[in-house]
Amino acid sequence: MRSICVFAGSGTGVHPEYMQAASELGTTIAGMGYRLVYGGSRLGLMGSAAEAALSSGGKVTGIMPGGLLHGERVHKELSEMISVDSMHERKAMMQQMGDAFIALPGGLGTLEELFEVLCWSQIGIHNKPLGLYNIRGYYEPLLHMLRHGIQEGFVAESCMSRLFVSTDPAELVQAVSHELPVTSDLRWLSSAYRKDVPE
Protein backbone atom coordinates (compact mmCIF):
# COMPACT_ATOMS: atom_id res chain seq x y z
CA MET A 1 0.00 0.00 0.00
CA ARG A 2 1.29 3.44 -0.92
CA SER A 3 -1.42 6.01 -0.23
CA ILE A 4 -4.35 6.75 2.06
CA CYS A 5 -7.22 8.91 0.83
CA VAL A 6 -8.68 11.11 3.56
CA PHE A 7 -12.24 12.42 3.49
CA ALA A 8 -12.73 15.38 5.82
CA GLY A 9 -14.70 18.54 6.41
CA SER A 10 -13.58 21.94 5.12
CA GLY A 11 -14.94 23.37 8.38
CA THR A 12 -13.25 23.25 11.77
CA GLY A 13 -16.20 22.05 13.83
CA VAL A 14 -17.19 23.60 17.14
CA HIS A 15 -14.69 21.68 19.29
CA PRO A 16 -10.89 22.09 19.03
CA GLU A 17 -10.44 18.31 19.30
CA TYR A 18 -11.50 17.95 15.67
CA MET A 19 -8.66 20.03 14.27
CA GLN A 20 -6.17 18.42 16.63
CA ALA A 21 -7.31 14.95 15.59
CA ALA A 22 -6.99 15.84 11.91
CA SER A 23 -3.43 17.04 12.53
CA GLU A 24 -2.59 13.84 14.40
CA LEU A 25 -3.93 11.74 11.54
CA GLY A 26 -1.85 13.61 8.96
CA THR A 27 1.26 13.21 11.11
CA THR A 28 0.57 9.50 11.55
CA ILE A 29 0.01 8.86 7.84
CA ALA A 30 3.28 10.62 6.96
CA GLY A 31 5.16 8.96 9.81
CA MET A 32 4.17 5.52 8.54
CA GLY A 33 5.44 6.37 5.07
CA TYR A 34 2.15 6.76 3.19
CA ARG A 35 1.11 9.49 0.79
CA LEU A 36 -1.99 11.44 1.84
CA VAL A 37 -4.53 11.99 -0.94
CA TYR A 38 -7.36 14.44 -0.32
CA GLY A 39 -9.53 17.17 -1.80
CA GLY A 40 -6.86 19.89 -1.94
CA SER A 41 -8.26 22.53 0.40
CA ARG A 42 -6.24 24.45 2.97
CA LEU A 43 -9.34 24.96 5.13
CA GLY A 44 -10.74 23.10 8.11
CA LEU A 45 -9.94 19.49 8.92
CA MET A 46 -8.82 18.91 5.33
CA GLY A 47 -6.14 21.56 5.60
CA SER A 48 -5.09 20.50 9.08
CA ALA A 49 -4.43 16.91 8.02
CA ALA A 50 -2.54 17.96 4.90
CA GLU A 51 -0.43 20.55 6.72
CA ALA A 52 0.55 18.08 9.43
CA ALA A 53 1.56 15.46 6.88
CA LEU A 54 3.72 17.98 5.01
CA SER A 55 5.31 19.23 8.25
CA SER A 56 6.22 15.63 9.07
CA GLY A 57 8.01 15.19 5.75
CA GLY A 58 5.19 13.33 4.04
CA LYS A 59 3.89 13.57 0.49
CA VAL A 60 0.44 15.05 -0.08
CA THR A 61 -1.63 15.03 -3.27
CA GLY A 62 -4.60 17.36 -3.57
CA ILE A 63 -7.33 16.97 -6.18
CA MET A 64 -9.58 19.93 -6.95
CA PRO A 65 -11.84 21.13 -9.78
CA GLY A 66 -10.16 23.82 -11.86
CA GLY A 67 -12.79 26.42 -11.05
CA LEU A 68 -11.82 26.33 -7.37
CA LEU A 69 -8.07 26.54 -7.87
CA HIS A 70 -8.01 30.33 -7.93
CA GLY A 71 -9.83 30.80 -4.64
CA GLU A 72 -8.34 31.16 -1.18
CA ARG A 73 -9.45 27.65 -0.26
CA VAL A 74 -6.76 25.85 -2.28
CA HIS A 75 -3.57 24.69 -0.55
CA LYS A 76 -0.64 26.08 -2.52
CA GLU A 77 2.22 24.12 -0.95
CA LEU A 78 1.28 20.50 -1.63
CA SER A 79 3.62 17.91 -3.10
CA GLU A 80 1.20 17.57 -6.00
CA MET A 81 -1.98 19.37 -7.03
CA ILE A 82 -4.19 17.78 -9.69
CA SER A 83 -6.79 19.90 -11.45
CA VAL A 84 -9.91 18.13 -12.71
CA ASP A 85 -13.01 19.32 -14.53
CA SER A 86 -15.74 18.48 -12.05
CA MET A 87 -16.61 17.32 -8.55
CA HIS A 88 -17.51 13.93 -10.00
CA GLU A 89 -14.06 13.58 -11.57
CA ARG A 90 -12.48 14.69 -8.30
CA LYS A 91 -14.23 11.93 -6.36
CA ALA A 92 -13.39 9.32 -8.98
CA MET A 93 -9.70 10.23 -8.96
CA MET A 94 -9.52 10.28 -5.15
CA GLN A 95 -11.02 6.81 -5.08
CA GLN A 96 -8.65 5.60 -7.79
CA MET A 97 -5.50 7.02 -6.18
CA GLY A 98 -6.30 5.90 -2.64
CA ASP A 99 -5.23 2.40 -1.62
CA ALA A 100 -7.30 2.81 1.54
CA PHE A 101 -9.71 5.42 2.91
CA ILE A 102 -10.16 7.19 6.24
CA ALA A 103 -13.08 9.51 6.97
CA LEU A 104 -12.64 12.27 9.51
CA PRO A 105 -15.70 14.16 10.74
CA GLY A 106 -17.23 16.29 8.02
CA GLY A 107 -20.41 17.48 6.37
CA LEU A 108 -22.49 16.35 3.43
CA GLY A 109 -19.55 16.07 1.05
CA THR A 110 -17.63 13.85 3.46
CA LEU A 111 -20.69 11.67 4.04
CA GLU A 112 -21.26 11.38 0.29
CA GLU A 113 -17.67 10.25 -0.28
CA LEU A 114 -17.84 7.83 2.63
CA PHE A 115 -21.06 6.15 1.53
CA GLU A 116 -20.01 5.88 -2.10
CA VAL A 117 -16.79 4.10 -1.14
CA LEU A 118 -18.67 1.85 1.29
CA CYS A 119 -21.36 1.02 -1.28
CA TRP A 120 -18.79 0.28 -3.99
CA SER A 121 -16.97 -2.04 -1.61
CA GLN A 122 -20.17 -3.90 -0.83
CA ILE A 123 -21.03 -4.54 -4.46
CA GLY A 124 -17.50 -5.58 -5.35
CA ILE A 125 -16.24 -2.61 -7.37
CA HIS A 126 -13.21 -2.35 -5.11
CA ASN A 127 -11.79 -4.20 -2.13
CA LYS A 128 -10.03 -1.36 -0.33
CA PRO A 129 -10.14 -0.86 3.45
CA LEU A 130 -12.21 1.96 4.94
CA GLY A 131 -11.76 3.55 8.37
CA LEU A 132 -13.85 5.96 10.45
CA TYR A 133 -11.92 8.34 12.71
CA ASN A 134 -14.60 8.55 15.37
CA ILE A 135 -13.56 11.71 17.18
CA ARG A 136 -15.94 12.75 20.00
CA GLY A 137 -18.21 9.90 18.92
CA TYR A 138 -19.02 11.85 15.76
CA TYR A 139 -19.91 8.75 13.78
CA GLU A 140 -21.95 6.99 16.48
CA PRO A 141 -25.31 8.16 15.05
CA LEU A 142 -24.26 6.96 11.60
CA LEU A 143 -23.19 3.57 12.96
CA HIS A 144 -26.51 3.35 14.78
CA MET A 145 -28.33 4.08 11.52
CA LEU A 146 -26.39 1.35 9.73
CA ARG A 147 -27.28 -1.15 12.46
CA HIS A 148 -30.90 -0.05 12.21
CA GLY A 149 -30.78 -0.58 8.44
CA ILE A 150 -29.46 -4.10 9.01
CA GLN A 151 -32.18 -4.81 11.54
CA GLU A 152 -34.86 -3.57 9.16
CA GLY A 153 -33.53 -5.60 6.26
CA PHE A 154 -32.22 -2.81 4.01
CA VAL A 155 -28.47 -3.02 4.72
CA ALA A 156 -26.37 -6.17 4.39
CA GLU A 157 -24.83 -7.39 7.64
CA SER A 158 -21.43 -7.53 5.95
CA CYS A 159 -21.50 -3.71 5.81
CA MET A 160 -20.17 -3.43 9.36
CA SER A 161 -17.23 -5.71 8.65
CA ARG A 162 -16.06 -3.28 5.95
CA LEU A 163 -15.56 -0.44 8.45
CA PHE A 164 -12.69 -0.04 10.88
CA VAL A 165 -13.70 2.39 13.63
CA SER A 166 -11.27 3.95 16.08
CA THR A 167 -10.38 7.10 18.00
CA ASP A 168 -6.67 6.28 17.78
CA PRO A 169 -4.97 7.45 14.55
CA ALA A 170 -2.13 4.93 14.69
CA GLU A 171 -4.54 2.05 15.30
CA LEU A 172 -6.72 3.22 12.44
CA VAL A 173 -3.88 3.62 9.95
CA GLN A 174 -2.53 0.20 10.93
CA ALA A 175 -5.98 -1.33 10.42
CA VAL A 176 -6.51 0.04 6.93
CA SER A 177 -2.90 -0.71 6.01
CA HIS A 178 -2.99 -4.41 6.76
CA GLU A 179 -6.60 -5.50 6.61
CA LEU A 180 -9.01 -5.88 3.71
CA PRO A 181 -12.80 -5.89 3.88
CA VAL A 182 -14.70 -8.99 2.93
CA THR A 183 -15.37 -9.47 -0.77
CA SER A 184 -18.75 -8.79 -2.32
CA ASP A 185 -21.57 -11.11 -1.26
CA LEU A 186 -23.86 -9.89 -4.03
CA ARG A 187 -24.22 -12.25 -6.96
CA TRP A 188 -25.77 -9.83 -9.43
CA LEU A 189 -22.65 -7.77 -10.11
CA SER A 190 -21.83 -8.61 -13.72
CA SER A 191 -18.35 -9.00 -15.13
CA ALA A 192 -19.39 -6.60 -17.89
CA TYR A 193 -19.97 -3.84 -15.33
CA ARG A 194 -16.64 -4.53 -13.65
CA LYS A 195 -14.84 -3.76 -16.92
CA ASP A 196 -16.12 -0.19 -16.81
CA VAL A 197 -14.85 0.51 -13.30
CA PRO A 198 -11.30 1.77 -12.73
CA GLU A 199 -9.22 -0.44 -10.44
C-alpha atoms as a PDB file:
ATOM      1  CA  MET A   1       0.000   0.000   0.000  1.00  0.00           C
ATOM      2  CA  ARG A   2       1.286   3.438  -0.924  1.00  0.00           C
ATOM      3  CA  SER A   3      -1.425   6.010  -0.228  1.00  0.00           C
ATOM      4  CA  ILE A   4      -4.353   6.748   2.056  1.00  0.00           C
ATOM      5  CA  CYS A   5      -7.218   8.909   0.831  1.00  0.00           C
ATOM      6  CA  VAL A   6      -8.684  11.112   3.557  1.00  0.00           C
ATOM      7  CA  PHE A   7     -12.245  12.419   3.485  1.00  0.00           C
ATOM      8  CA  ALA A   8     -12.727  15.379   5.823  1.00  0.00           C
ATOM      9  CA  GLY A   9     -14.696  18.545   6.407  1.00  0.00           C
ATOM     10  CA  SER A  10     -13.579  21.940   5.125  1.00  0.00           C
ATOM     11  CA  GLY A  11     -14.940  23.368   8.380  1.00  0.00           C
ATOM     12  CA  THR A  12     -13.245  23.253  11.767  1.00  0.00           C
ATOM     13  CA  GLY A  13     -16.200  22.046  13.834  1.00  0.00           C
ATOM     14  CA  VAL A  14     -17.188  23.601  17.143  1.00  0.00           C
ATOM     15  CA  HIS A  15     -14.695  21.678  19.285  1.00  0.00           C
ATOM     16  CA  PRO A  16     -10.891  22.093  19.034  1.00  0.00           C
ATOM     17  CA  GLU A  17     -10.444  18.311  19.301  1.00  0.00           C
ATOM     18  CA  TYR A  18     -11.498  17.950  15.665  1.00  0.00           C
ATOM     19  CA  MET A  19      -8.661  20.035  14.270  1.00  0.00           C
ATOM     20  CA  GLN A  20      -6.171  18.422  16.631  1.00  0.00           C
ATOM     21  CA  ALA A  21      -7.305  14.950  15.593  1.00  0.00           C
ATOM     22  CA  ALA A  22      -6.988  15.835  11.906  1.00  0.00           C
ATOM     23  CA  SER A  23      -3.433  17.039  12.527  1.00  0.00           C
ATOM     24  CA  GLU A  24      -2.588  13.838  14.398  1.00  0.00           C
ATOM     25  CA  LEU A  25      -3.928  11.739  11.543  1.00  0.00           C
ATOM     26  CA  GLY A  26      -1.849  13.610   8.965  1.00  0.00           C
ATOM     27  CA  THR A  27       1.259  13.211  11.113  1.00  0.00           C
ATOM     28  CA  THR A  28       0.566   9.503  11.549  1.00  0.00           C
ATOM     29  CA  ILE A  29       0.011   8.861   7.843  1.00  0.00           C
ATOM     30  CA  ALA A  30       3.280  10.616   6.955  1.00  0.00           C
ATOM     31  CA  GLY A  31       5.155   8.963   9.807  1.00  0.00           C
ATOM     32  CA  MET A  32       4.168   5.517   8.537  1.00  0.00           C
ATOM     33  CA  GLY A  33       5.439   6.367   5.069  1.00  0.00           C
ATOM     34  CA  TYR A  34       2.147   6.759   3.192  1.00  0.00           C
ATOM     35  CA  ARG A  35       1.111   9.494   0.785  1.00  0.00           C
ATOM     36  CA  LEU A  36      -1.989  11.436   1.836  1.00  0.00           C
ATOM     37  CA  VAL A  37      -4.528  11.992  -0.941  1.00  0.00           C
ATOM     38  CA  TYR A  38      -7.360  14.443  -0.323  1.00  0.00           C
ATOM     39  CA  GLY A  39      -9.529  17.173  -1.798  1.00  0.00           C
ATOM     40  CA  GLY A  40      -6.856  19.887  -1.937  1.00  0.00           C
ATOM     41  CA  SER A  41      -8.264  22.531   0.404  1.00  0.00           C
ATOM     42  CA  ARG A  42      -6.242  24.448   2.969  1.00  0.00           C
ATOM     43  CA  LEU A  43      -9.340  24.957   5.128  1.00  0.00           C
ATOM     44  CA  GLY A  44     -10.735  23.098   8.109  1.00  0.00           C
ATOM     45  CA  LEU A  45      -9.937  19.488   8.922  1.00  0.00           C
ATOM     46  CA  MET A  46      -8.821  18.913   5.331  1.00  0.00           C
ATOM     47  CA  GLY A  47      -6.137  21.564   5.596  1.00  0.00           C
ATOM     48  CA  SER A  48      -5.085  20.500   9.084  1.00  0.00           C
ATOM     49  CA  ALA A  49      -4.432  16.907   8.025  1.00  0.00           C
ATOM     50  CA  ALA A  50      -2.539  17.961   4.901  1.00  0.00           C
ATOM     51  CA  GLU A  51      -0.426  20.553   6.724  1.00  0.00           C
ATOM     52  CA  ALA A  52       0.550  18.081   9.429  1.00  0.00           C
ATOM     53  CA  ALA A  53       1.563  15.463   6.884  1.00  0.00           C
ATOM     54  CA  LEU A  54       3.716  17.985   5.012  1.00  0.00           C
ATOM     55  CA  SER A  55       5.315  19.230   8.246  1.00  0.00           C
ATOM     56  CA  SER A  56       6.225  15.628   9.070  1.00  0.00           C
ATOM     57  CA  GLY A  57       8.013  15.189   5.745  1.00  0.00           C
ATOM     58  CA  GLY A  58       5.188  13.332   4.039  1.00  0.00           C
ATOM     59  CA  LYS A  59       3.886  13.571   0.493  1.00  0.00           C
ATOM     60  CA  VAL A  60       0.439  15.053  -0.082  1.00  0.00           C
ATOM     61  CA  THR A  61      -1.629  15.029  -3.267  1.00  0.00           C
ATOM     62  CA  GLY A  62      -4.595  17.364  -3.572  1.00  0.00           C
ATOM     63  CA  ILE A  63      -7.333  16.974  -6.177  1.00  0.00           C
ATOM     64  CA  MET A  64      -9.575  19.927  -6.954  1.00  0.00           C
ATOM     65  CA  PRO A  65     -11.842  21.125  -9.781  1.00  0.00           C
ATOM     66  CA  GLY A  66     -10.160  23.818 -11.862  1.00  0.00           C
ATOM     67  CA  GLY A  67     -12.793  26.422 -11.046  1.00  0.00           C
ATOM     68  CA  LEU A  68     -11.820  26.326  -7.369  1.00  0.00           C
ATOM     69  CA  LEU A  69      -8.069  26.535  -7.871  1.00  0.00           C
ATOM     70  CA  HIS A  70      -8.011  30.328  -7.928  1.00  0.00           C
ATOM     71  CA  GLY A  71      -9.826  30.800  -4.637  1.00  0.00           C
ATOM     72  CA  GLU A  72      -8.341  31.165  -1.180  1.00  0.00           C
ATOM     73  CA  ARG A  73      -9.445  27.652  -0.262  1.00  0.00           C
ATOM     74  CA  VAL A  74      -6.760  25.855  -2.283  1.00  0.00           C
ATOM     75  CA  HIS A  75      -3.573  24.686  -0.550  1.00  0.00           C
ATOM     76  CA  LYS A  76      -0.636  26.077  -2.518  1.00  0.00           C
ATOM     77  CA  GLU A  77       2.222  24.115  -0.947  1.00  0.00           C
ATOM     78  CA  LEU A  78       1.281  20.505  -1.629  1.00  0.00           C
ATOM     79  CA  SER A  79       3.616  17.906  -3.104  1.00  0.00           C
ATOM     80  CA  GLU A  80       1.204  17.572  -5.996  1.00  0.00           C
ATOM     81  CA  MET A  81      -1.983  19.372  -7.034  1.00  0.00           C
ATOM     82  CA  ILE A  82      -4.186  17.779  -9.690  1.00  0.00           C
ATOM     83  CA  SER A  83      -6.791  19.896 -11.451  1.00  0.00           C
ATOM     84  CA  VAL A  84      -9.908  18.133 -12.707  1.00  0.00           C
ATOM     85  CA  ASP A  85     -13.013  19.321 -14.535  1.00  0.00           C
ATOM     86  CA  SER A  86     -15.744  18.484 -12.046  1.00  0.00           C
ATOM     87  CA  MET A  87     -16.605  17.316  -8.552  1.00  0.00           C
ATOM     88  CA  HIS A  88     -17.514  13.929 -10.005  1.00  0.00           C
ATOM     89  CA  GLU A  89     -14.065  13.584 -11.569  1.00  0.00           C
ATOM     90  CA  ARG A  90     -12.479  14.692  -8.302  1.00  0.00           C
ATOM     91  CA  LYS A  91     -14.228  11.932  -6.365  1.00  0.00           C
ATOM     92  CA  ALA A  92     -13.389   9.315  -8.979  1.00  0.00           C
ATOM     93  CA  MET A  93      -9.701  10.229  -8.956  1.00  0.00           C
ATOM     94  CA  MET A  94      -9.524  10.284  -5.152  1.00  0.00           C
ATOM     95  CA  GLN A  95     -11.020   6.808  -5.076  1.00  0.00           C
ATOM     96  CA  GLN A  96      -8.654   5.597  -7.786  1.00  0.00           C
ATOM     97  CA  MET A  97      -5.504   7.017  -6.181  1.00  0.00           C
ATOM     98  CA  GLY A  98      -6.296   5.897  -2.642  1.00  0.00           C
ATOM     99  CA  ASP A  99      -5.226   2.401  -1.621  1.00  0.00           C
ATOM    100  CA  ALA A 100      -7.303   2.812   1.543  1.00  0.00           C
ATOM    101  CA  PHE A 101      -9.708   5.417   2.915  1.00  0.00           C
ATOM    102  CA  ILE A 102     -10.162   7.190   6.239  1.00  0.00           C
ATOM    103  CA  ALA A 103     -13.076   9.507   6.968  1.00  0.00           C
ATOM    104  CA  LEU A 104     -12.642  12.268   9.511  1.00  0.00           C
ATOM    105  CA  PRO A 105     -15.700  14.164  10.739  1.00  0.00           C
ATOM    106  CA  GLY A 106     -17.230  16.294   8.019  1.00  0.00           C
ATOM    107  CA  GLY A 107     -20.410  17.480   6.374  1.00  0.00           C
ATOM    108  CA  LEU A 108     -22.489  16.353   3.431  1.00  0.00           C
ATOM    109  CA  GLY A 109     -19.548  16.068   1.048  1.00  0.00           C
ATOM    110  CA  THR A 110     -17.632  13.848   3.456  1.00  0.00           C
ATOM    111  CA  LEU A 111     -20.686  11.669   4.037  1.00  0.00           C
ATOM    112  CA  GLU A 112     -21.260  11.379   0.294  1.00  0.00           C
ATOM    113  CA  GLU A 113     -17.668  10.250  -0.278  1.00  0.00           C
ATOM    114  CA  LEU A 114     -17.839   7.827   2.630  1.00  0.00           C
ATOM    115  CA  PHE A 115     -21.058   6.154   1.528  1.00  0.00           C
ATOM    116  CA  GLU A 116     -20.008   5.882  -2.101  1.00  0.00           C
ATOM    117  CA  VAL A 117     -16.795   4.101  -1.138  1.00  0.00           C
ATOM    118  CA  LEU A 118     -18.674   1.847   1.285  1.00  0.00           C
ATOM    119  CA  CYS A 119     -21.356   1.019  -1.283  1.00  0.00           C
ATOM    120  CA  TRP A 120     -18.790   0.284  -3.991  1.00  0.00           C
ATOM    121  CA  SER A 121     -16.971  -2.037  -1.607  1.00  0.00           C
ATOM    122  CA  GLN A 122     -20.167  -3.898  -0.825  1.00  0.00           C
ATOM    123  CA  ILE A 123     -21.033  -4.541  -4.464  1.00  0.00           C
ATOM    124  CA  GLY A 124     -17.499  -5.576  -5.348  1.00  0.00           C
ATOM    125  CA  ILE A 125     -16.236  -2.613  -7.366  1.00  0.00           C
ATOM    126  CA  HIS A 126     -13.207  -2.353  -5.106  1.00  0.00           C
ATOM    127  CA  ASN A 127     -11.792  -4.197  -2.130  1.00  0.00           C
ATOM    128  CA  LYS A 128     -10.026  -1.356  -0.334  1.00  0.00           C
ATOM    129  CA  PRO A 129     -10.138  -0.858   3.449  1.00  0.00           C
ATOM    130  CA  LEU A 130     -12.209   1.960   4.937  1.00  0.00           C
ATOM    131  CA  GLY A 131     -11.763   3.554   8.365  1.00  0.00           C
ATOM    132  CA  LEU A 132     -13.847   5.956  10.445  1.00  0.00           C
ATOM    133  CA  TYR A 133     -11.920   8.335  12.708  1.00  0.00           C
ATOM    134  CA  ASN A 134     -14.596   8.549  15.371  1.00  0.00           C
ATOM    135  CA  ILE A 135     -13.558  11.709  17.184  1.00  0.00           C
ATOM    136  CA  ARG A 136     -15.941  12.748  20.001  1.00  0.00           C
ATOM    137  CA  GLY A 137     -18.207   9.900  18.916  1.00  0.00           C
ATOM    138  CA  TYR A 138     -19.024  11.849  15.756  1.00  0.00           C
ATOM    139  CA  TYR A 139     -19.914   8.751  13.778  1.00  0.00           C
ATOM    140  CA  GLU A 140     -21.954   6.994  16.478  1.00  0.00           C
ATOM    141  CA  PRO A 141     -25.314   8.163  15.054  1.00  0.00           C
ATOM    142  CA  LEU A 142     -24.259   6.962  11.604  1.00  0.00           C
ATOM    143  CA  LEU A 143     -23.194   3.571  12.955  1.00  0.00           C
ATOM    144  CA  HIS A 144     -26.507   3.350  14.783  1.00  0.00           C
ATOM    145  CA  MET A 145     -28.326   4.081  11.521  1.00  0.00           C
ATOM    146  CA  LEU A 146     -26.392   1.347   9.726  1.00  0.00           C
ATOM    147  CA  ARG A 147     -27.278  -1.151  12.460  1.00  0.00           C
ATOM    148  CA  HIS A 148     -30.895  -0.052  12.211  1.00  0.00           C
ATOM    149  CA  GLY A 149     -30.782  -0.576   8.439  1.00  0.00           C
ATOM    150  CA  ILE A 150     -29.456  -4.095   9.007  1.00  0.00           C
ATOM    151  CA  GLN A 151     -32.176  -4.814  11.538  1.00  0.00           C
ATOM    152  CA  GLU A 152     -34.860  -3.569   9.155  1.00  0.00           C
ATOM    153  CA  GLY A 153     -33.526  -5.601   6.260  1.00  0.00           C
ATOM    154  CA  PHE A 154     -32.216  -2.809   4.013  1.00  0.00           C
ATOM    155  CA  VAL A 155     -28.473  -3.015   4.722  1.00  0.00           C
ATOM    156  CA  ALA A 156     -26.368  -6.166   4.393  1.00  0.00           C
ATOM    157  CA  GLU A 157     -24.830  -7.395   7.644  1.00  0.00           C
ATOM    158  CA  SER A 158     -21.427  -7.525   5.951  1.00  0.00           C
ATOM    159  CA  CYS A 159     -21.499  -3.711   5.814  1.00  0.00           C
ATOM    160  CA  MET A 160     -20.175  -3.431   9.357  1.00  0.00           C
ATOM    161  CA  SER A 161     -17.226  -5.712   8.645  1.00  0.00           C
ATOM    162  CA  ARG A 162     -16.061  -3.281   5.949  1.00  0.00           C
ATOM    163  CA  LEU A 163     -15.564  -0.441   8.449  1.00  0.00           C
ATOM    164  CA  PHE A 164     -12.686  -0.042  10.875  1.00  0.00           C
ATOM    165  CA  VAL A 165     -13.699   2.386  13.625  1.00  0.00           C
ATOM    166  CA  SER A 166     -11.266   3.954  16.080  1.00  0.00           C
ATOM    167  CA  THR A 167     -10.376   7.103  17.999  1.00  0.00           C
ATOM    168  CA  ASP A 168      -6.667   6.280  17.779  1.00  0.00           C
ATOM    169  CA  PRO A 169      -4.973   7.445  14.554  1.00  0.00           C
ATOM    170  CA  ALA A 170      -2.130   4.926  14.694  1.00  0.00           C
ATOM    171  CA  GLU A 171      -4.539   2.052  15.297  1.00  0.00           C
ATOM    172  CA  LEU A 172      -6.723   3.220  12.440  1.00  0.00           C
ATOM    173  CA  VAL A 173      -3.878   3.622   9.947  1.00  0.00           C
ATOM    174  CA  GLN A 174      -2.534   0.201  10.933  1.00  0.00           C
ATOM    175  CA  ALA A 175      -5.980  -1.328  10.421  1.00  0.00           C
ATOM    176  CA  VAL A 176      -6.511   0.044   6.930  1.00  0.00           C
ATOM    177  CA  SER A 177      -2.895  -0.710   6.009  1.00  0.00           C
ATOM    178  CA  HIS A 178      -2.992  -4.413   6.759  1.00  0.00           C
ATOM    179  CA  GLU A 179      -6.597  -5.500   6.612  1.00  0.00           C
ATOM    180  CA  LEU A 180      -9.006  -5.883   3.714  1.00  0.00           C
ATOM    181  CA  PRO A 181     -12.796  -5.886   3.880  1.00  0.00           C
ATOM    182  CA  VAL A 182     -14.703  -8.987   2.930  1.00  0.00           C
ATOM    183  CA  THR A 183     -15.372  -9.467  -0.768  1.00  0.00           C
ATOM    184  CA  SER A 184     -18.751  -8.792  -2.319  1.00  0.00           C
ATOM    185  CA  ASP A 185     -21.569 -11.105  -1.263  1.00  0.00           C
ATOM    186  CA  LEU A 186     -23.860  -9.885  -4.030  1.00  0.00           C
ATOM    187  CA  ARG A 187     -24.215 -12.248  -6.956  1.00  0.00           C
ATOM    188  CA  TRP A 188     -25.768  -9.833  -9.430  1.00  0.00           C
ATOM    189  CA  LEU A 189     -22.647  -7.771 -10.114  1.00  0.00           C
ATOM    190  CA  SER A 190     -21.834  -8.614 -13.717  1.00  0.00           C
ATOM    191  CA  SER A 191     -18.348  -8.996 -15.127  1.00  0.00           C
ATOM    192  CA  ALA A 192     -19.386  -6.599 -17.885  1.00  0.00           C
ATOM    193  CA  TYR A 193     -19.973  -3.844 -15.331  1.00  0.00           C
ATOM    194  CA  ARG A 194     -16.639  -4.535 -13.653  1.00  0.00           C
ATOM    195  CA  LYS A 195     -14.840  -3.764 -16.924  1.00  0.00           C
ATOM    196  CA  ASP A 196     -16.124  -0.190 -16.806  1.00  0.00           C
ATOM    197  CA  VAL A 197     -14.854   0.508 -13.301  1.00  0.00           C
ATOM    198  CA  PRO A 198     -11.299   1.772 -12.728  1.00  0.00           C
ATOM    199  CA  GLU A 199      -9.218  -0.437 -10.438  1.00  0.00           C
END
